[in-house]
C-alpha atoms as a PDB file:
ATOM      1  CA  MET A   1      57.710 -12.902-206.074  1.00  0.00           C
ATOM      2  CA  SER A   2      58.530 -15.707-203.699  1.00  0.00           C
ATOM      3  CA  ARG A   3      58.693 -15.511-199.965  1.00  0.00           C
ATOM      4  CA  LEU A   4      59.410 -17.903-197.099  1.00  0.00           C
ATOM      5  CA  ILE A   5      56.191 -19.246-195.650  1.00  0.00           C
ATOM      6  CA  LYS A   6      56.309 -20.646-192.067  1.00  0.00           C
ATOM      7  CA  SER A   7      53.865 -23.446-191.461  1.00  0.00           C
ATOM      8  CA  PRO A   8      51.331 -22.386-188.820  1.00  0.00           C
ATOM      9  CA  SER A   9      51.176 -25.988-187.517  1.00  0.00           C
ATOM     10  CA  THR A  10      54.866 -26.257-186.558  1.00  0.00           C
ATOM     11  CA  LYS A  11      54.488 -24.801-183.061  1.00  0.00           C
ATOM     12  CA  ARG A  12      51.446 -26.927-182.392  1.00  0.00           C
ATOM     13  CA  GLU A  13      53.154 -30.144-183.564  1.00  0.00           C
ATOM     14  CA  LEU A  14      56.255 -29.773-181.409  1.00  0.00           C
ATOM     15  CA  PRO A  15      54.538 -30.351-178.011  1.00  0.00           C
ATOM     16  CA  ILE A  16      52.629 -33.280-179.490  1.00  0.00           C
ATOM     17  CA  MET A  17      55.861 -34.869-180.724  1.00  0.00           C
ATOM     18  CA  LEU A  18      57.463 -34.408-177.299  1.00  0.00           C
ATOM     19  CA  LEU A  19      54.499 -36.070-175.617  1.00  0.00           C
ATOM     20  CA  ILE A  20      54.689 -39.013-178.010  1.00  0.00           C
ATOM     21  CA  ALA A  21      58.432 -39.388-177.330  1.00  0.00           C
ATOM     22  CA  LEU A  22      57.904 -39.336-173.568  1.00  0.00           C
ATOM     23  CA  PHE A  23      55.087 -41.884-173.872  1.00  0.00           C
ATOM     24  CA  LEU A  24      57.390 -44.226-175.777  1.00  0.00           C
ATOM     25  CA  LEU A  25      60.176 -43.828-173.189  1.00  0.00           C
ATOM     26  CA  ILE A  26      58.025 -44.556-170.135  1.00  0.00           C
ATOM     27  CA  PRO A  27      58.074 -48.367-170.614  1.00  0.00           C
ATOM     28  CA  LEU A  28      61.861 -48.253-170.876  1.00  0.00           C
ATOM     29  CA  PHE A  29      62.194 -46.460-167.538  1.00  0.00           C
ATOM     30  CA  ALA A  30      59.643 -48.764-165.937  1.00  0.00           C
ATOM     31  CA  THR A  31      61.497 -51.842-167.163  1.00  0.00           C
ATOM     32  CA  SER A  32      64.840 -50.678-165.788  1.00  0.00           C
ATOM     33  CA  GLN A  33      63.465 -49.596-162.417  1.00  0.00           C
ATOM     34  CA  ASN A  34      60.733 -52.142-161.685  1.00  0.00           C
ATOM     35  CA  ASN A  35      62.419 -55.344-162.699  1.00  0.00           C
ATOM     36  CA  ILE A  36      63.297 -58.554-160.859  1.00  0.00           C
ATOM     37  CA  GLU A  37      65.838 -61.130-162.023  1.00  0.00           C
ATOM     38  CA  PHE A  38      65.278 -64.594-160.614  1.00  0.00           C
ATOM     39  CA  TYR A  39      68.074 -67.128-160.164  1.00  0.00           C
ATOM     40  CA  GLN A  40      67.632 -70.841-159.552  1.00  0.00           C
ATOM     41  CA  THR A  41      69.796 -72.545-156.956  1.00  0.00           C
ATOM     42  CA  SER A  42      71.843 -75.543-158.076  1.00  0.00           C
ATOM     43  CA  TRP A  43      71.775 -76.858-154.499  1.00  0.00           C
ATOM     44  CA  GLY A  44      70.587 -80.454-154.683  1.00  0.00           C
ATOM     45  CA  LYS A  45      70.680 -80.697-158.475  1.00  0.00           C
ATOM     46  CA  ASP A  46      70.601 -84.320-159.643  1.00  0.00           C
ATOM     47  CA  THR A  47      71.708 -83.793-163.228  1.00  0.00           C
ATOM     48  CA  ASN A  48      74.578 -82.194-165.135  1.00  0.00           C
ATOM     49  CA  PHE A  49      74.923 -78.440-165.587  1.00  0.00           C
ATOM     50  CA  SER A  50      73.760 -78.619-169.198  1.00  0.00           C
ATOM     51  CA  GLU A  51      70.389 -80.151-168.350  1.00  0.00           C
ATOM     52  CA  PHE A  52      70.032 -78.078-165.196  1.00  0.00           C
ATOM     53  CA  CYS A  53      70.565 -74.803-167.070  1.00  0.00           C
ATOM     54  CA  LYS A  54      68.179 -75.812-169.847  1.00  0.00           C
ATOM     55  CA  GLN A  55      65.416 -76.479-167.309  1.00  0.00           C
ATOM     56  CA  ALA A  56      66.100 -73.241-165.437  1.00  0.00           C
ATOM     57  CA  LYS A  57      65.923 -71.301-168.697  1.00  0.00           C
ATOM     58  CA  LYS A  58      62.703 -73.057-169.706  1.00  0.00           C
ATOM     59  CA  ASP A  59      61.099 -72.144-166.373  1.00  0.00           C
ATOM     60  CA  GLY A  60      61.850 -68.456-166.744  1.00  0.00           C
ATOM     61  CA  TYR A  61      64.996 -67.918-164.694  1.00  0.00           C
ATOM     62  CA  ALA A  62      67.490 -65.207-165.673  1.00  0.00           C
ATOM     63  CA  GLY A  63      70.375 -67.164-164.183  1.00  0.00           C
ATOM     64  CA  ILE A  64      71.592 -69.694-161.645  1.00  0.00           C
ATOM     65  CA  GLU A  65      73.407 -69.543-158.329  1.00  0.00           C
ATOM     66  CA  THR A  66      75.971 -72.246-157.637  1.00  0.00           C
ATOM     67  CA  ARG A  67      79.123 -73.218-155.861  1.00  0.00           C
ATOM     68  CA  LEU A  68      81.857 -73.770-158.394  1.00  0.00           C
ATOM     69  CA  PRO A  69      83.398 -77.212-158.960  1.00  0.00           C
ATOM     70  CA  GLU A  70      86.720 -76.073-157.521  1.00  0.00           C
ATOM     71  CA  SER A  71      88.972 -78.971-158.495  1.00  0.00           C
ATOM     72  CA  ASN A  72      87.024 -80.474-161.399  1.00  0.00           C
ATOM     73  CA  LYS A  73      88.222 -78.751-164.576  1.00  0.00           C
ATOM     74  CA  VAL A  74      85.940 -80.819-166.787  1.00  0.00           C
ATOM     75  CA  GLU A  75      82.868 -79.773-164.808  1.00  0.00           C
ATOM     76  CA  GLN A  76      84.058 -76.154-164.817  1.00  0.00           C
ATOM     77  CA  GLU A  77      84.126 -76.172-168.621  1.00  0.00           C
ATOM     78  CA  GLU A  78      80.742 -77.890-168.709  1.00  0.00           C
ATOM     79  CA  LEU A  79      79.298 -75.109-166.550  1.00  0.00           C
ATOM     80  CA  LYS A  80      80.775 -72.378-168.750  1.00  0.00           C
ATOM     81  CA  LYS A  81      79.365 -74.034-171.881  1.00  0.00           C
ATOM     82  CA  ALA A  82      75.926 -74.537-170.297  1.00  0.00           C
ATOM     83  CA  LEU A  83      75.744 -70.865-169.320  1.00  0.00           C
ATOM     84  CA  LYS A  84      76.806 -69.773-172.802  1.00  0.00           C
ATOM     85  CA  ASP A  85      74.377 -72.114-174.557  1.00  0.00           C
ATOM     86  CA  THR A  86      71.416 -70.952-172.452  1.00  0.00           C
ATOM     87  CA  ASN A  87      72.479 -67.308-172.080  1.00  0.00           C
ATOM     88  CA  LEU A  88      71.948 -67.546-168.324  1.00  0.00           C
ATOM     89  CA  LYS A  89      73.662 -65.266-165.813  1.00  0.00           C
ATOM     90  CA  LEU A  90      75.709 -66.567-162.893  1.00  0.00           C
ATOM     91  CA  ILE A  91      75.889 -65.863-159.173  1.00  0.00           C
ATOM     92  CA  VAL A  92      78.765 -67.726-157.541  1.00  0.00           C
ATOM     93  CA  GLN A  93      78.514 -68.871-153.948  1.00  0.00           C
ATOM     94  CA  ALA A  94      81.817 -68.583-152.096  1.00  0.00           C
ATOM     95  CA  TYR A  95      82.445 -69.683-148.537  1.00  0.00           C
ATOM     96  CA  VAL A  96      84.949 -69.474-145.719  1.00  0.00           C
ATOM     97  CA  ASN A  97      86.520 -72.766-144.667  1.00  0.00           C
ATOM     98  CA  THR A  98      86.090 -72.785-140.876  1.00  0.00           C
ATOM     99  CA  ASN A  99      88.089 -75.973-140.314  1.00  0.00           C
ATOM    100  CA  VAL A 100      91.531 -74.494-140.935  1.00  0.00           C
ATOM    101  CA  PRO A 101      93.566 -71.699-139.275  1.00  0.00           C
ATOM    102  CA  ILE A 102      92.472 -68.134-140.083  1.00  0.00           C
ATOM    103  CA  ASP A 103      95.463 -67.307-142.310  1.00  0.00           C
ATOM    104  CA  GLU A 104      94.886 -70.427-144.404  1.00  0.00           C
ATOM    105  CA  ALA A 105      91.145 -69.738-144.552  1.00  0.00           C
ATOM    106  CA  LEU A 106      91.859 -66.256-145.899  1.00  0.00           C
ATOM    107  CA  LEU A 107      94.078 -67.676-148.662  1.00  0.00           C
ATOM    108  CA  LEU A 108      91.478 -70.290-149.636  1.00  0.00           C
ATOM    109  CA  TYR A 109      88.759 -67.625-149.638  1.00  0.00           C
ATOM    110  CA  GLU A 110      90.811 -65.424-151.963  1.00  0.00           C
ATOM    111  CA  GLU A 111      91.360 -68.370-154.326  1.00  0.00           C
ATOM    112  CA  LEU A 112      87.592 -68.964-154.488  1.00  0.00           C
ATOM    113  CA  ILE A 113      86.921 -65.308-155.280  1.00  0.00           C
ATOM    114  CA  GLU A 114      89.559 -65.352-158.024  1.00  0.00           C
ATOM    115  CA  LEU A 115      87.974 -68.494-159.507  1.00  0.00           C
ATOM    116  CA  ALA A 116      84.551 -66.819-159.480  1.00  0.00           C
ATOM    117  CA  VAL A 117      85.990 -63.836-161.340  1.00  0.00           C
ATOM    118  CA  SER A 118      87.243 -66.157-164.089  1.00  0.00           C
ATOM    119  CA  PHE A 119      83.618 -67.233-164.675  1.00  0.00           C
ATOM    120  CA  ASN A 120      82.507 -63.664-165.328  1.00  0.00           C
ATOM    121  CA  ALA A 121      79.938 -63.920-162.535  1.00  0.00           C
ATOM    122  CA  GLU A 122      77.335 -61.194-161.980  1.00  0.00           C
ATOM    123  CA  MET A 123      78.146 -61.192-158.281  1.00  0.00           C
ATOM    124  CA  ILE A 124      79.454 -63.351-155.456  1.00  0.00           C
ATOM    125  CA  ASN A 125      77.298 -64.472-152.565  1.00  0.00           C
ATOM    126  CA  SER A 126      79.591 -65.112-149.634  1.00  0.00           C
ATOM    127  CA  HIS A 127      79.169 -67.404-146.632  1.00  0.00           C
ATOM    128  CA  THR A 128      81.494 -65.198-144.617  1.00  0.00           C
ATOM    129  CA  GLY A 129      83.249 -65.786-141.330  1.00  0.00           C
ATOM    130  CA  HIS A 130      82.033 -67.938-138.467  1.00  0.00           C
ATOM    131  CA  ASP A 131      79.942 -67.480-135.349  1.00  0.00           C
ATOM    132  CA  PHE A 132      82.899 -68.699-133.243  1.00  0.00           C
ATOM    133  CA  PHE A 133      85.441 -66.324-134.841  1.00  0.00           C
ATOM    134  CA  SER A 134      86.283 -63.079-133.084  1.00  0.00           C
ATOM    135  CA  VAL A 135      84.980 -59.797-134.498  1.00  0.00           C
ATOM    136  CA  GLU A 136      88.543 -58.964-135.512  1.00  0.00           C
ATOM    137  CA  ASP A 137      88.970 -62.223-137.454  1.00  0.00           C
ATOM    138  CA  ASN A 138      85.581 -61.943-139.138  1.00  0.00           C
ATOM    139  CA  MET A 139      86.416 -58.400-140.255  1.00  0.00           C
ATOM    140  CA  LYS A 140      89.559 -59.749-141.948  1.00  0.00           C
ATOM    141  CA  PHE A 141      87.279 -61.580-144.398  1.00  0.00           C
ATOM    142  CA  ILE A 142      85.106 -58.501-144.899  1.00  0.00           C
ATOM    143  CA  ASN A 143      88.157 -56.365-145.637  1.00  0.00           C
ATOM    144  CA  LEU A 144      89.615 -58.967-147.996  1.00  0.00           C
ATOM    145  CA  ALA A 145      86.292 -59.242-149.841  1.00  0.00           C
ATOM    146  CA  LYS A 146      86.165 -55.467-150.193  1.00  0.00           C
ATOM    147  CA  GLN A 147      89.684 -55.360-151.660  1.00  0.00           C
ATOM    148  CA  LEU A 148      88.929 -58.139-154.128  1.00  0.00           C
ATOM    149  CA  SER A 149      85.590 -56.576-155.077  1.00  0.00           C
ATOM    150  CA  GLU A 150      87.309 -53.275-155.903  1.00  0.00           C
ATOM    151  CA  LYS A 151      90.176 -55.000-157.705  1.00  0.00           C
ATOM    152  CA  HIS A 152      87.940 -57.097-159.974  1.00  0.00           C
ATOM    153  CA  HIS A 153      84.889 -54.793-160.147  1.00  0.00           C
ATOM    154  CA  ILE A 154      82.559 -57.522-158.913  1.00  0.00           C
ATOM    155  CA  PRO A 155      79.985 -57.149-156.107  1.00  0.00           C
ATOM    156  CA  ILE A 156      80.459 -59.417-153.093  1.00  0.00           C
ATOM    157  CA  TYR A 157      77.513 -59.696-150.710  1.00  0.00           C
ATOM    158  CA  HIS A 158      77.624 -61.426-147.333  1.00  0.00           C
ATOM    159  CA  GLU A 159      74.818 -63.844-146.527  1.00  0.00           C
ATOM    160  CA  THR A 160      72.821 -63.904-143.318  1.00  0.00           C
ATOM    161  CA  HIS A 161      73.237 -67.510-142.282  1.00  0.00           C
ATOM    162  CA  ARG A 162      73.349 -69.699-139.193  1.00  0.00           C
ATOM    163  CA  SER A 163      76.909 -70.560-138.095  1.00  0.00           C
ATOM    164  CA  ARG A 164      78.320 -67.617-140.076  1.00  0.00           C
ATOM    165  CA  MET A 165      79.224 -64.150-138.826  1.00  0.00           C
ATOM    166  CA  ASN A 166      75.736 -62.839-139.709  1.00  0.00           C
ATOM    167  CA  TYR A 167      73.929 -65.497-137.690  1.00  0.00           C
ATOM    168  CA  SER A 168      71.551 -63.133-135.855  1.00  0.00           C
ATOM    169  CA  VAL A 169      69.912 -59.730-136.201  1.00  0.00           C
ATOM    170  CA  PRO A 170      71.809 -57.935-133.381  1.00  0.00           C
ATOM    171  CA  VAL A 171      75.188 -59.347-134.425  1.00  0.00           C
ATOM    172  CA  THR A 172      74.616 -58.388-138.065  1.00  0.00           C
ATOM    173  CA  ASN A 173      73.671 -54.845-137.069  1.00  0.00           C
ATOM    174  CA  HIS A 174      76.918 -54.604-135.123  1.00  0.00           C
ATOM    175  CA  TYR A 175      78.987 -55.604-138.145  1.00  0.00           C
ATOM    176  CA  LEU A 176      77.084 -53.180-140.373  1.00  0.00           C
ATOM    177  CA  SER A 177      77.995 -50.389-137.958  1.00  0.00           C
ATOM    178  CA  LEU A 178      81.687 -51.178-138.497  1.00  0.00           C
ATOM    179  CA  ASP A 179      81.686 -50.799-142.287  1.00  0.00           C
ATOM    180  CA  ASP A 180      79.274 -48.693-144.341  1.00  0.00           C
ATOM    181  CA  GLN A 181      80.181 -50.613-147.518  1.00  0.00           C
ATOM    182  CA  PHE A 182      79.216 -53.980-146.046  1.00  0.00           C
ATOM    183  CA  MET A 183      76.267 -55.227-148.177  1.00  0.00           C
ATOM    184  CA  LEU A 184      74.121 -58.290-147.603  1.00  0.00           C
ATOM    185  CA  THR A 185      72.486 -61.289-149.126  1.00  0.00           C
ATOM    186  CA  LEU A 186      69.400 -61.652-146.959  1.00  0.00           C
ATOM    187  CA  ASP A 187      68.240 -65.168-146.200  1.00  0.00           C
ATOM    188  CA  ILE A 188      65.912 -64.228-143.396  1.00  0.00           C
ATOM    189  CA  SER A 189      64.602 -67.790-143.026  1.00  0.00           C
ATOM    190  CA  HIS A 190      67.660 -68.538-140.850  1.00  0.00           C
ATOM    191  CA  TRP A 191      66.771 -65.803-138.378  1.00  0.00           C
ATOM    192  CA  MET A 192      63.250 -67.145-137.921  1.00  0.00           C
ATOM    193  CA  VAL A 193      64.900 -70.169-136.306  1.00  0.00           C
ATOM    194  CA  VAL A 194      67.665 -68.320-134.464  1.00  0.00           C
ATOM    195  CA  HIS A 195      65.177 -65.930-132.872  1.00  0.00           C
ATOM    196  CA  GLU A 196      62.380 -68.523-132.748  1.00  0.00           C
ATOM    197  CA  SER A 197      59.901 -66.038-134.167  1.00  0.00           C
ATOM    198  CA  LEU A 198      58.758 -64.399-137.382  1.00  0.00           C
ATOM    199  CA  LEU A 199      60.504 -61.221-136.141  1.00  0.00           C
ATOM    200  CA  GLU A 200      57.180 -59.507-135.628  1.00  0.00           C
ATOM    201  CA  GLY A 201      57.555 -56.238-133.757  1.00  0.00           C
ATOM    202  CA  LYS A 202      61.261 -56.154-134.624  1.00  0.00           C
ATOM    203  CA  ASP A 203      61.057 -53.930-137.720  1.00  0.00           C
ATOM    204  CA  ASP A 204      63.225 -51.207-136.147  1.00  0.00           C
ATOM    205  CA  PHE A 205      66.038 -53.755-135.843  1.00  0.00           C
ATOM    206  CA  LEU A 206      65.659 -54.659-139.529  1.00  0.00           C
ATOM    207  CA  THR A 207      65.787 -51.141-141.010  1.00  0.00           C
ATOM    208  CA  GLU A 208      69.524 -50.958-141.710  1.00  0.00           C
ATOM    209  CA  ILE A 209      69.628 -54.620-142.732  1.00  0.00           C
ATOM    210  CA  LEU A 210      66.954 -54.135-145.395  1.00  0.00           C
ATOM    211  CA  ASP A 211      68.688 -50.973-146.617  1.00  0.00           C
ATOM    212  CA  ARG A 212      71.934 -52.936-147.096  1.00  0.00           C
ATOM    213  CA  THR A 213      70.369 -55.967-148.824  1.00  0.00           C
ATOM    214  CA  ARG A 214      71.367 -56.410-152.480  1.00  0.00           C
ATOM    215  CA  LEU A 215      70.405 -60.061-153.041  1.00  0.00           C
ATOM    216  CA  ILE A 216      67.495 -62.016-151.580  1.00  0.00           C
ATOM    217  CA  HIS A 217      67.502 -65.743-150.926  1.00  0.00           C
ATOM    218  CA  ALA A 218      63.810 -66.566-151.123  1.00  0.00           C
ATOM    219  CA  ARG A 219      63.027 -69.430-148.795  1.00  0.00           C
ATOM    220  CA  VAL A 220      60.408 -69.510-146.057  1.00  0.00           C
ATOM    221  CA  GLY A 221      61.453 -70.441-142.538  1.00  0.00           C
ATOM    222  CA  HIS A 222      59.479 -70.778-139.327  1.00  0.00           C
ATOM    223  CA  TYR A 223      59.882 -70.878-135.543  1.00  0.00           C
ATOM    224  CA  GLU A 224      61.484 -74.326-135.509  1.00  0.00           C
ATOM    225  CA  GLY A 225      63.192 -74.636-138.870  1.00  0.00           C
ATOM    226  CA  PRO A 226      64.746 -72.766-141.820  1.00  0.00           C
ATOM    227  CA  GLN A 227      62.372 -74.283-144.377  1.00  0.00           C
ATOM    228  CA  VAL A 228      58.662 -75.038-144.301  1.00  0.00           C
ATOM    229  CA  ASN A 229      57.807 -78.431-145.746  1.00  0.00           C
ATOM    230  CA  ASP A 230      55.679 -76.956-148.552  1.00  0.00           C
ATOM    231  CA  PRO A 231      55.099 -73.194-148.996  1.00  0.00           C
ATOM    232  CA  ARG A 232      51.841 -73.932-150.845  1.00  0.00           C
ATOM    233  CA  ALA A 233      50.241 -75.516-147.774  1.00  0.00           C
ATOM    234  CA  PRO A 234      47.654 -73.285-146.035  1.00  0.00           C
ATOM    235  CA  GLU A 235      49.135 -73.860-142.575  1.00  0.00           C
ATOM    236  CA  TRP A 236      52.218 -71.877-143.630  1.00  0.00           C
ATOM    237  CA  LYS A 237      50.331 -68.823-144.932  1.00  0.00           C
ATOM    238  CA  LYS A 238      51.326 -66.642-141.963  1.00  0.00           C
ATOM    239  CA  ALA A 239      55.019 -67.479-142.419  1.00  0.00           C
ATOM    240  CA  VAL A 240      54.864 -66.983-146.186  1.00  0.00           C
ATOM    241  CA  ASP A 241      53.098 -63.629-145.789  1.00  0.00           C
ATOM    242  CA  ARG A 242      55.683 -62.400-143.266  1.00  0.00           C
ATOM    243  CA  HIS A 243      58.558 -63.258-145.595  1.00  0.00           C
ATOM    244  CA  MET A 244      56.734 -61.658-148.523  1.00  0.00           C
ATOM    245  CA  ASP A 245      56.216 -58.427-146.559  1.00  0.00           C
ATOM    246  CA  ILE A 246      59.948 -58.208-145.820  1.00  0.00           C
ATOM    247  CA  TRP A 247      60.929 -59.069-149.392  1.00  0.00           C
ATOM    248  CA  GLU A 248      58.533 -56.487-150.809  1.00  0.00           C
ATOM    249  CA  GLU A 249      60.099 -53.763-148.688  1.00  0.00           C
ATOM    250  CA  ILE A 250      63.563 -54.679-149.993  1.00  0.00           C
ATOM    251  CA  ILE A 251      62.328 -54.827-153.588  1.00  0.00           C
ATOM    252  CA  ARG A 252      60.744 -51.374-153.347  1.00  0.00           C
ATOM    253  CA  LYS A 253      63.895 -49.933-151.781  1.00  0.00           C
ATOM    254  CA  THR A 254      65.908 -51.435-154.660  1.00  0.00           C
ATOM    255  CA  TRP A 255      63.556 -50.005-157.264  1.00  0.00           C
ATOM    256  CA  SER A 256      63.711 -46.589-155.606  1.00  0.00           C
ATOM    257  CA  ARG A 257      67.465 -46.618-156.320  1.00  0.00           C
ATOM    258  CA  GLY A 258      66.744 -47.387-159.972  1.00  0.00           C
ATOM    259  CA  GLU A 259      68.229 -50.881-159.672  1.00  0.00           C
ATOM    260  CA  THR A 260      67.077 -54.356-160.669  1.00  0.00           C
ATOM    261  CA  MET A 261      66.253 -56.663-157.769  1.00  0.00           C
ATOM    262  CA  LYS A 262      68.006 -60.033-157.847  1.00  0.00           C
ATOM    263  CA  ILE A 263      66.430 -62.994-156.083  1.00  0.00           C
ATOM    264  CA  THR A 264      67.593 -66.595-155.776  1.00  0.00           C
ATOM    265  CA  THR A 265      64.793 -69.053-155.058  1.00  0.00           C
ATOM    266  CA  GLU A 266      66.454 -71.298-152.498  1.00  0.00           C
ATOM    267  CA  PHE A 267      64.233 -74.007-151.136  1.00  0.00           C
ATOM    268  CA  GLY A 268      66.653 -76.845-150.478  1.00  0.00           C
ATOM    269  CA  PRO A 269      66.741 -80.580-151.236  1.00  0.00           C
ATOM    270  CA  ALA A 270      65.881 -83.604-149.094  1.00  0.00           C
ATOM    271  CA  GLY A 271      67.635 -83.329-145.774  1.00  0.00           C
ATOM    272  CA  TYR A 272      66.908 -79.631-145.623  1.00  0.00           C
ATOM    273  CA  LEU A 273      63.486 -80.312-147.071  1.00  0.00           C
ATOM    274  CA  PRO A 274      61.697 -82.488-144.471  1.00  0.00           C
ATOM    275  CA  THR A 275      61.509 -86.185-145.283  1.00  0.00           C
ATOM    276  CA  LEU A 276      59.459 -89.152-144.143  1.00  0.00           C
ATOM    277  CA  PRO A 277      60.994 -91.479-141.540  1.00  0.00           C
ATOM    278  CA  TYR A 278      62.637 -94.715-142.702  1.00  0.00           C
ATOM    279  CA  THR A 279      62.218 -94.068-146.435  1.00  0.00           C
ATOM    280  CA  GLN A 280      63.694 -90.531-146.390  1.00  0.00           C
ATOM    281  CA  GLN A 281      61.198 -89.638-149.092  1.00  0.00           C
ATOM    282  CA  PRO A 282      60.879 -85.833-149.376  1.00  0.00           C
ATOM    283  CA  VAL A 283      57.409 -84.627-148.423  1.00  0.00           C
ATOM    284  CA  SER A 284      57.257 -82.150-151.328  1.00  0.00           C
ATOM    285  CA  ASP A 285      59.113 -81.213-154.510  1.00  0.00           C
ATOM    286  CA  GLN A 286      62.056 -78.804-154.208  1.00  0.00           C
ATOM    287  CA  TRP A 287      61.878 -77.489-157.773  1.00  0.00           C
ATOM    288  CA  GLU A 288      58.127 -76.907-157.551  1.00  0.00           C
ATOM    289  CA  ALA A 289      58.559 -75.033-154.257  1.00  0.00           C
ATOM    290  CA  ASN A 290      61.057 -72.708-155.909  1.00  0.00           C
ATOM    291  CA  LEU A 291      58.776 -72.130-158.894  1.00  0.00           C
ATOM    292  CA  PHE A 292      55.889 -71.424-156.530  1.00  0.00           C
ATOM    293  CA  ILE A 293      57.806 -68.767-154.596  1.00  0.00           C
ATOM    294  CA  MET A 294      59.005 -67.113-157.822  1.00  0.00           C
ATOM    295  CA  LYS A 295      55.421 -66.941-159.090  1.00  0.00           C
ATOM    296  CA  ALA A 296      54.159 -65.650-155.723  1.00  0.00           C
ATOM    297  CA  ILE A 297      56.688 -62.807-155.711  1.00  0.00           C
ATOM    298  CA  LYS A 298      55.856 -61.895-159.305  1.00  0.00           C
ATOM    299  CA  GLU A 299      52.158 -61.772-158.497  1.00  0.00           C
ATOM    300  CA  ARG A 300      52.758 -59.738-155.348  1.00  0.00           C
ATOM    301  CA  MET A 301      54.913 -57.199-157.213  1.00  0.00           C
ATOM    302  CA  LYS A 302      52.803 -57.298-160.390  1.00  0.00           C
ATOM    303  CA  ILE A 303      55.705 -58.466-162.535  1.00  0.00           C
ATOM    304  CA  ASP A 304      55.063 -60.512-165.704  1.00  0.00           C
END
């Protein structure tokens, strides 16, 4: 006579299998939540997009940030091919032309956004408005960006930048209070100059700004300039540490939302980078400064 025999180990094995499955899934959750994508700026590049993208890929960048060659179709195709060949992502930098009437500036701004969309960019970093524009005129650009972002399903973030609408901490907080969908690219190095300080003791004024930041421009400024001459030099440790503290807070806020942090390393070229008199020789290497700050952030956040 046969009968169905239930294995006595089945009930014991089930919890073990669940534990194994959870153990295997943990790295996947950690990767999605505690990840940083680094982008290299094309600002100051002295080669073509093909070579630039190859070097950025070799040095561990996930993508590049660049202004688009607006009128050069050949260079546009070169950029598209370079991105495809290297499998790099793209952040496009758009800007408002402040030398023309507002209505014309709005049309030119829309054209730039539309061009960025055609490149299948991850996002658009916008140099929005002008410090001499009225609040009403600056908000026209914010509202246009919001419409285009919704139309094309592409994020548009507005950079904190001297001469733009977000040129200072108090002014930026005012604009944030006018629109709860207004998100930022934070380049806090500019504000170190504007406010002639490292913004110590001003954390309460930064709370909403850090909450709204979706892209970081990682460059170290100081009391008298938007870029230290070499972030590796010991005399700049206090400035570097202050920037790192602010960036870490943004990164942890981003991770708490289950999102990947995106950072563009943006130390600039000679002219922005201090140079020697007469020869105009840069006092340090732009590319190496950007690699240094990427490595420093990775070490700080314990990212491979």
